[in-house]
């Protein structure tokens, strides 16, 4: 019988190391098992995260604003969510839009969203009726609500939708908090009757003559508060400019329009299938320019996180044409 062959010891003695030989054998056996397991493993299937829902009720919340109560057809509970979350609503026309969840995270019998009518997609939402079947994706959270001892909330118009669940969560936690809620007029501001009056300042433009400045919106902020701000770009810009003068511990923003392009440079994109070459100015996105010649190109959030406008490039990569800037050959 042939004697077993052991690797030499590392101490230079010339003797064979039985322990090292055992480890080498175990490692080889593990690799063989891994190869066998890999060959038998079934292919990974893409997870379908779409939720078929039914519009249970449509309610007018303010001038130009309706809320939708969405439920499962079988009445089962919906996926859990946290304040700041949104869903993608897939409309019958094929358009996709994001809407913040503005109900109670503890009540998973339904989702509630609120939509202001400002364009074709929102007009389609306003036309939905009770009993209509819709599809959503999510929930997802790009505006997370982080535990803190104090909060200062700033909401502008329909920007109250992600802020409302945060306010109720802050109240339930016993945190020190304030909310400044601004809008064109009281009639256009949804959910006024759902806000605790003691810590809320309602600030309609019609009652003050002019829109609020950032400094005014940050008045009476609790010391060391985390600031949450959602609304139109001019309001967010004002808050950001004046925020440096405060003692805010952290700042979180959510906007309903694409972010401004800063220090942009002009470039050129080629649409390979269409045979077009387009010049993109320094202050515009590729999506804006492409939609002038291909108005049906899909898009949604216009902020780079939903992926609806993602397009294949000739080099094999993927480009989100709402935010990615630079010369490219696109498969359009």
Protein backbone atom coordinates (compact mmCIF):
# COMPACT_ATOMS: atom_id res chain seq x y z
CA UNK A 1 0.00 0.00 0.00
CA UNK A 2 1.29 3.43 -0.95
CA UNK A 3 2.03 5.72 2.00
CA UNK A 4 -0.05 8.97 2.09
CA UNK A 5 1.70 12.05 0.70
CA UNK A 6 1.62 15.08 3.04
CA UNK A 7 2.76 18.61 2.15
CA UNK A 8 6.00 19.80 3.80
CA UNK A 9 5.80 21.67 7.08
CA UNK A 10 6.28 25.41 6.97
CA UNK A 11 8.92 25.35 9.74
CA UNK A 12 11.55 24.06 7.28
CA UNK A 13 12.07 20.79 9.15
CA UNK A 14 11.48 18.73 6.01
CA UNK A 15 8.78 16.67 7.75
CA UNK A 16 5.31 16.31 6.24
CA UNK A 17 2.36 18.25 7.75
CA UNK A 18 -0.66 15.98 8.29
CA UNK A 19 -2.95 18.89 9.39
CA UNK A 20 -2.24 20.91 6.24
CA UNK A 21 -2.90 17.85 4.10
CA UNK A 22 -6.30 17.38 5.75
CA UNK A 23 -7.26 21.05 5.18
CA UNK A 24 -6.27 20.82 1.50
CA UNK A 25 -8.42 17.70 1.06
CA UNK A 26 -11.42 19.31 2.78
CA UNK A 27 -11.11 22.41 0.60
CA UNK A 28 -11.04 20.31 -2.58
CA UNK A 29 -14.12 18.36 -1.48
CA UNK A 30 -15.97 21.60 -0.69
CA UNK A 31 -15.21 22.98 -4.17
CA UNK A 32 -16.53 19.80 -5.81
CA UNK A 33 -19.76 19.99 -3.78
CA UNK A 34 -20.18 23.67 -4.67
CA UNK A 35 -19.83 22.89 -8.37
CA UNK A 36 -22.44 20.13 -8.13
CA UNK A 37 -24.80 22.38 -6.16
CA UNK A 38 -24.35 25.20 -8.68
CA UNK A 39 -25.24 22.93 -11.59
CA UNK A 40 -28.45 21.82 -9.86
CA UNK A 41 -29.54 25.26 -8.69
CA UNK A 42 -32.63 26.47 -10.59
CA UNK A 43 -32.40 29.74 -12.53
CA UNK A 44 -33.23 32.91 -10.59
CA UNK A 45 -36.64 34.24 -11.53
CA UNK A 46 -37.39 37.95 -11.61
CA UNK A 47 -39.72 38.94 -8.78
CA UNK A 48 -42.95 40.55 -9.95
CA UNK A 49 -43.49 43.43 -7.53
CA UNK A 50 -46.70 44.68 -9.13
CA UNK A 51 -49.81 44.82 -6.96
CA UNK A 52 -53.26 44.62 -8.57
CA UNK A 53 -55.54 46.90 -6.55
CA UNK A 54 -59.04 48.33 -6.74
CA UNK A 55 -60.09 51.95 -6.24
CA UNK A 56 -62.45 51.62 -3.29
CA UNK A 57 -63.28 55.32 -2.96
CA UNK A 58 -62.48 58.72 -4.49
CA UNK A 59 -62.84 61.79 -2.30
CA UNK A 60 -62.37 65.52 -2.94
CA UNK A 61 -59.85 66.85 -0.40
CA UNK A 62 -59.36 70.44 -1.68
CA UNK A 63 -59.74 72.51 -4.85
CA UNK A 64 -58.15 70.40 -7.59
CA UNK A 65 -57.13 67.60 -5.19
CA UNK A 66 -58.70 64.15 -4.81
CA UNK A 67 -57.66 61.23 -2.65
CA UNK A 68 -57.88 57.59 -3.70
CA UNK A 69 -58.41 54.70 -1.30
CA UNK A 70 -56.81 51.59 -2.83
CA UNK A 71 -57.45 48.03 -1.61
CA UNK A 72 -56.64 44.46 -2.64
CA UNK A 73 -59.45 42.73 -4.57
CA UNK A 74 -59.38 39.87 -2.04
CA UNK A 75 -59.31 42.18 0.98
CA UNK A 76 -55.97 40.89 2.28
CA UNK A 77 -53.50 43.25 4.03
CA UNK A 78 -51.16 45.31 1.87
CA UNK A 79 -47.34 45.40 2.18
CA UNK A 80 -46.06 47.44 5.13
CA UNK A 81 -44.63 50.93 4.64
CA UNK A 82 -43.10 53.76 6.63
CA UNK A 83 -43.72 57.53 6.55
CA UNK A 84 -42.20 59.10 3.44
CA UNK A 85 -42.91 56.08 1.21
CA UNK A 86 -44.53 56.27 -2.21
CA UNK A 87 -46.02 53.91 -4.77
CA UNK A 88 -45.76 53.83 -8.55
CA UNK A 89 -49.24 54.04 -10.04
CA UNK A 90 -49.50 52.40 -13.47
CA UNK A 91 -52.31 54.19 -15.27
CA UNK A 92 -54.55 52.61 -17.93
CA UNK A 93 -52.92 54.81 -20.59
CA UNK A 94 -49.51 53.29 -19.80
CA UNK A 95 -48.18 56.36 -17.98
CA UNK A 96 -46.50 55.77 -14.60
CA UNK A 97 -46.44 58.32 -11.80
CA UNK A 98 -45.21 58.31 -8.18
CA UNK A 99 -47.56 59.33 -5.36
CA UNK A 100 -46.76 59.55 -1.66
CA UNK A 101 -48.72 57.38 0.74
CA UNK A 102 -50.62 59.70 3.07
CA UNK A 103 -52.70 57.35 5.18
CA UNK A 104 -51.71 55.51 8.36
CA UNK A 105 -48.80 53.03 8.17
CA UNK A 106 -50.49 50.99 10.91
CA UNK A 107 -53.62 50.41 8.78
CA UNK A 108 -52.70 48.00 5.98
CA UNK A 109 -56.29 47.43 4.88
CA UNK A 110 -55.78 50.14 2.25
CA UNK A 111 -53.40 52.68 0.76
CA UNK A 112 -54.33 56.35 0.42
CA UNK A 113 -52.81 58.75 -2.09
CA UNK A 114 -53.76 62.33 -2.94
CA UNK A 115 -53.31 63.88 -6.37
CA UNK A 116 -53.49 67.49 -7.51
CA UNK A 117 -54.69 67.95 -11.08
CA UNK A 118 -51.84 69.64 -12.98
CA UNK A 119 -51.34 67.61 -16.18
CA UNK A 120 -52.51 64.71 -18.33
CA UNK A 121 -51.44 61.98 -15.88
CA UNK A 122 -53.12 63.61 -12.88
CA UNK A 123 -56.23 64.29 -15.00
CA UNK A 124 -56.37 60.55 -15.70
CA UNK A 125 -56.16 59.84 -11.96
CA UNK A 126 -59.00 62.31 -11.31
CA UNK A 127 -61.14 60.43 -13.83
CA UNK A 128 -60.80 57.11 -11.96
CA UNK A 129 -63.93 55.93 -10.20
CA UNK A 130 -64.75 53.48 -7.42
CA UNK A 131 -64.42 49.92 -8.67
CA UNK A 132 -61.67 50.69 -11.20
CA UNK A 133 -58.82 48.18 -11.18
CA UNK A 134 -55.31 49.63 -11.17
CA UNK A 135 -51.78 48.31 -10.74
CA UNK A 136 -49.13 49.73 -8.42
CA UNK A 137 -45.50 48.97 -7.66
CA UNK A 138 -43.94 49.47 -4.27
CA UNK A 139 -44.04 50.81 -1.68
CA UNK A 140 -40.58 52.39 -1.91
CA UNK A 141 -39.04 55.09 0.24
CA UNK A 142 -36.80 57.84 -1.12
CA UNK A 143 -37.74 60.24 1.72
CA UNK A 144 -37.10 58.20 4.91
CA UNK A 145 -38.35 59.41 8.27
CA UNK A 146 -35.51 59.00 10.80
CA UNK A 147 -36.08 58.86 14.56
CA UNK A 148 -35.06 62.11 16.29
CA UNK A 149 -35.95 64.00 19.49
CA UNK A 150 -37.29 67.04 17.58
CA UNK A 151 -38.63 67.83 14.11
CA UNK A 152 -39.51 70.86 12.01
CA UNK A 153 -41.80 70.09 9.06
CA UNK A 154 -42.37 72.41 6.09
CA UNK A 155 -45.04 71.50 3.55
CA UNK A 156 -46.18 73.38 0.47
CA UNK A 157 -49.55 72.49 -1.06
CA UNK A 158 -49.69 68.86 -2.16
CA UNK A 159 -46.30 68.47 -0.43
CA UNK A 160 -48.30 67.72 2.70
CA UNK A 161 -48.83 64.13 1.48
CA UNK A 162 -45.51 62.60 2.65
CA UNK A 163 -45.35 64.98 5.64
CA UNK A 164 -48.76 64.03 7.09
CA UNK A 165 -47.79 60.49 8.24
CA UNK A 166 -44.53 61.90 9.63
CA UNK A 167 -46.44 64.43 11.73
CA UNK A 168 -48.66 61.72 13.22
CA UNK A 169 -45.64 59.48 13.89
CA UNK A 170 -43.80 62.38 15.62
CA UNK A 171 -46.89 63.11 17.72
CA UNK A 172 -47.25 59.46 18.72
CA UNK A 173 -43.56 59.22 19.69
CA UNK A 174 -43.74 62.20 22.03
CA UNK A 175 -41.12 64.16 20.05
CA UNK A 176 -40.99 67.94 20.03
CA UNK A 177 -42.22 69.05 16.60
CA UNK A 178 -43.64 71.94 14.56
CA UNK A 179 -45.26 72.12 11.13
CA UNK A 180 -45.52 75.13 8.82
CA UNK A 181 -48.03 74.40 6.05
CA UNK A 182 -48.21 76.87 3.20
CA UNK A 183 -50.22 77.05 0.00
CA UNK A 184 -52.02 79.33 -2.41
CA UNK A 185 -55.15 79.56 -0.21
CA UNK A 186 -56.91 77.42 2.38
CA UNK A 187 -59.33 76.02 -0.19
CA UNK A 188 -56.39 74.49 -2.15
CA UNK A 189 -54.68 72.90 0.89
CA UNK A 190 -55.73 69.28 1.56
CA UNK A 191 -56.00 67.56 4.96
CA UNK A 192 -56.26 70.70 7.08
CA UNK A 193 -58.81 68.92 9.26
CA UNK A 194 -56.38 66.05 9.98
CA UNK A 195 -53.63 68.18 11.54
CA UNK A 196 -53.20 68.76 15.31
CA UNK A 197 -53.86 72.50 15.56
CA UNK A 198 -51.61 73.20 18.58
CA UNK A 199 -48.28 72.77 16.78
CA UNK A 200 -49.30 73.66 13.23
CA UNK A 201 -49.05 77.07 11.56
CA UNK A 202 -51.22 77.43 8.45
CA UNK A 203 -49.73 80.05 6.13
CA UNK A 204 -51.80 80.65 2.92
CA UNK A 205 -50.32 83.16 0.46
CA UNK A 206 -53.67 84.94 0.03
CA UNK A 207 -53.78 85.85 3.72
CA UNK A 208 -50.25 87.30 3.76
CA UNK A 209 -50.05 88.88 0.31
CA UNK A 210 -46.82 87.12 -0.74
CA UNK A 211 -45.30 83.62 -0.56
CA UNK A 212 -43.35 82.86 2.60
CA UNK A 213 -39.57 83.27 2.67
CA UNK A 214 -37.31 80.47 3.81
CA UNK A 215 -36.54 82.35 7.02
CA UNK A 216 -40.24 82.68 7.84
CA UNK A 217 -40.86 78.98 7.19
CA UNK A 218 -38.07 78.12 9.64
CA UNK A 219 -39.34 80.33 12.47
CA UNK A 220 -40.06 78.64 15.83
CA UNK A 221 -38.01 75.59 14.85
CA UNK A 222 -37.21 73.43 17.90
CA UNK A 223 -33.54 73.50 18.91
CA UNK A 224 -31.51 70.84 17.12
CA UNK A 225 -34.50 69.67 15.09
CA UNK A 226 -34.38 67.51 11.98
CA UNK A 227 -35.98 69.45 9.12
CA UNK A 228 -38.31 67.73 6.62
CA UNK A 229 -39.39 69.84 3.66
CA UNK A 230 -41.60 68.94 0.68
CA UNK A 231 -43.22 71.17 -1.91
CA UNK A 232 -42.51 73.35 -4.94
CA UNK A 233 -38.95 74.23 -5.92
CA UNK A 234 -39.10 77.97 -4.98
CA UNK A 235 -40.15 77.04 -1.44
CA UNK A 236 -37.45 74.37 -1.09
CA UNK A 237 -34.83 76.78 -2.45
CA UNK A 238 -35.82 79.44 0.08
CA UNK A 239 -35.59 76.97 2.95
CA UNK A 240 -32.19 75.70 1.79
CA UNK A 241 -30.78 79.21 1.47
CA UNK A 242 -31.84 80.25 4.98
CA UNK A 243 -31.22 76.91 6.66
CA UNK A 244 -27.54 77.68 7.29
CA UNK A 245 -28.56 80.26 9.90
CA UNK A 246 -30.36 77.67 12.01
CA UNK A 247 -29.17 74.90 14.30
CA UNK A 248 -30.81 72.09 12.33
CA UNK A 249 -29.42 68.65 13.17
CA UNK A 250 -30.31 67.10 9.79
CA UNK A 251 -32.19 68.15 6.67
CA UNK A 252 -34.34 66.08 4.29
CA UNK A 253 -36.05 67.31 1.11
CA UNK A 254 -38.44 65.85 -1.42
CA UNK A 255 -39.31 67.76 -4.59
CA UNK A 256 -42.04 67.23 -7.15
CA UNK A 257 -40.01 68.54 -10.08
CA UNK A 258 -36.65 67.60 -11.60
CA UNK A 259 -33.57 68.98 -9.83
CA UNK A 260 -31.98 72.03 -11.45
CA UNK A 261 -28.93 71.46 -13.64
CA UNK A 262 -25.90 73.19 -12.14
CA UNK A 263 -22.75 73.99 -14.14
CA UNK A 264 -24.00 71.93 -17.09
CA UNK A 265 -22.18 71.65 -20.41
CA UNK A 266 -23.77 71.19 -23.85
CA UNK A 267 -23.35 67.79 -25.50
CA UNK A 268 -24.71 65.66 -28.34
CA UNK A 269 -26.63 62.40 -28.38
CA UNK A 270 -27.33 60.09 -31.30
CA UNK A 271 -30.61 58.16 -31.53
CA UNK A 272 -29.47 55.11 -33.45
CA UNK A 273 -32.82 53.59 -34.48
CA UNK A 274 -34.38 56.95 -35.31
CA UNK A 275 -31.32 58.16 -37.22
CA UNK A 276 -31.33 61.50 -35.39
CA UNK A 277 -28.56 63.53 -33.81
CA UNK A 278 -29.66 65.94 -31.07
CA UNK A 279 -27.87 68.80 -29.34
CA UNK A 280 -28.60 69.00 -25.60
CA UNK A 281 -28.11 72.52 -24.16
CA UNK A 282 -26.25 73.09 -20.91
CA UNK A 283 -29.45 73.79 -18.95
CA UNK A 284 -31.65 70.93 -20.20
CA UNK A 285 -31.84 67.18 -19.74
CA UNK A 286 -31.51 64.56 -22.45
CA UNK A 287 -35.11 63.55 -21.69
CA UNK A 288 -36.40 67.07 -22.42
CA UNK A 289 -34.70 67.19 -25.80
CA UNK A 290 -35.57 63.60 -26.79
CA UNK A 291 -39.26 64.15 -26.00
CA UNK A 292 -39.38 66.97 -28.54
CA UNK A 293 -38.83 64.42 -31.33
CA UNK A 294 -40.10 61.26 -29.58
CA UNK A 295 -43.01 62.47 -27.39
CA UNK A 296 -44.01 58.93 -26.41
CA UNK A 297 -40.68 58.04 -24.75
CA UNK A 298 -41.61 56.81 -21.23
CA UNK A 299 -40.65 58.72 -18.09
CA UNK A 300 -41.98 59.22 -14.60
CA UNK A 301 -40.14 60.70 -11.58
CA UNK A 302 -37.64 62.79 -13.63
CA UNK A 303 -35.22 62.54 -10.68
CA UNK A 304 -33.33 59.38 -11.56
CA UNK A 305 -34.64 56.85 -9.05
CA UNK A 306 -37.62 55.10 -10.71
CA UNK A 307 -35.80 53.87 -13.83
CA UNK A 308 -38.77 54.41 -16.18
CA UNK A 309 -36.71 56.51 -18.63
CA UNK A 310 -33.72 54.15 -18.65
CA UNK A 311 -32.49 53.50 -22.21
CA UNK A 312 -29.94 51.05 -23.59
CA UNK A 313 -26.78 52.61 -25.01
CA UNK A 314 -24.75 51.31 -27.94
CA UNK A 315 -21.81 50.51 -25.64
CA UNK A 316 -23.95 48.04 -23.67
CA UNK A 317 -24.65 50.35 -20.73
CA UNK A 318 -27.91 51.86 -19.52
CA UNK A 319 -28.65 55.59 -19.38
CA UNK A 320 -31.32 57.31 -17.29
CA UNK A 321 -31.98 60.14 -19.70
CA UNK A 322 -33.70 62.35 -17.12
CA UNK A 323 -30.49 62.85 -15.10
CA UNK A 324 -27.50 61.22 -16.84
CA UNK A 325 -25.71 63.85 -18.91
CA UNK A 326 -23.06 63.37 -21.56
CA UNK A 327 -22.60 62.30 -25.18
CA UNK A 328 -24.01 58.87 -26.00
CA UNK A 329 -25.46 56.71 -28.76
CA UNK A 330 -28.88 55.62 -27.52
CA UNK A 331 -31.03 52.74 -28.73
CA UNK A 332 -34.01 54.97 -29.58
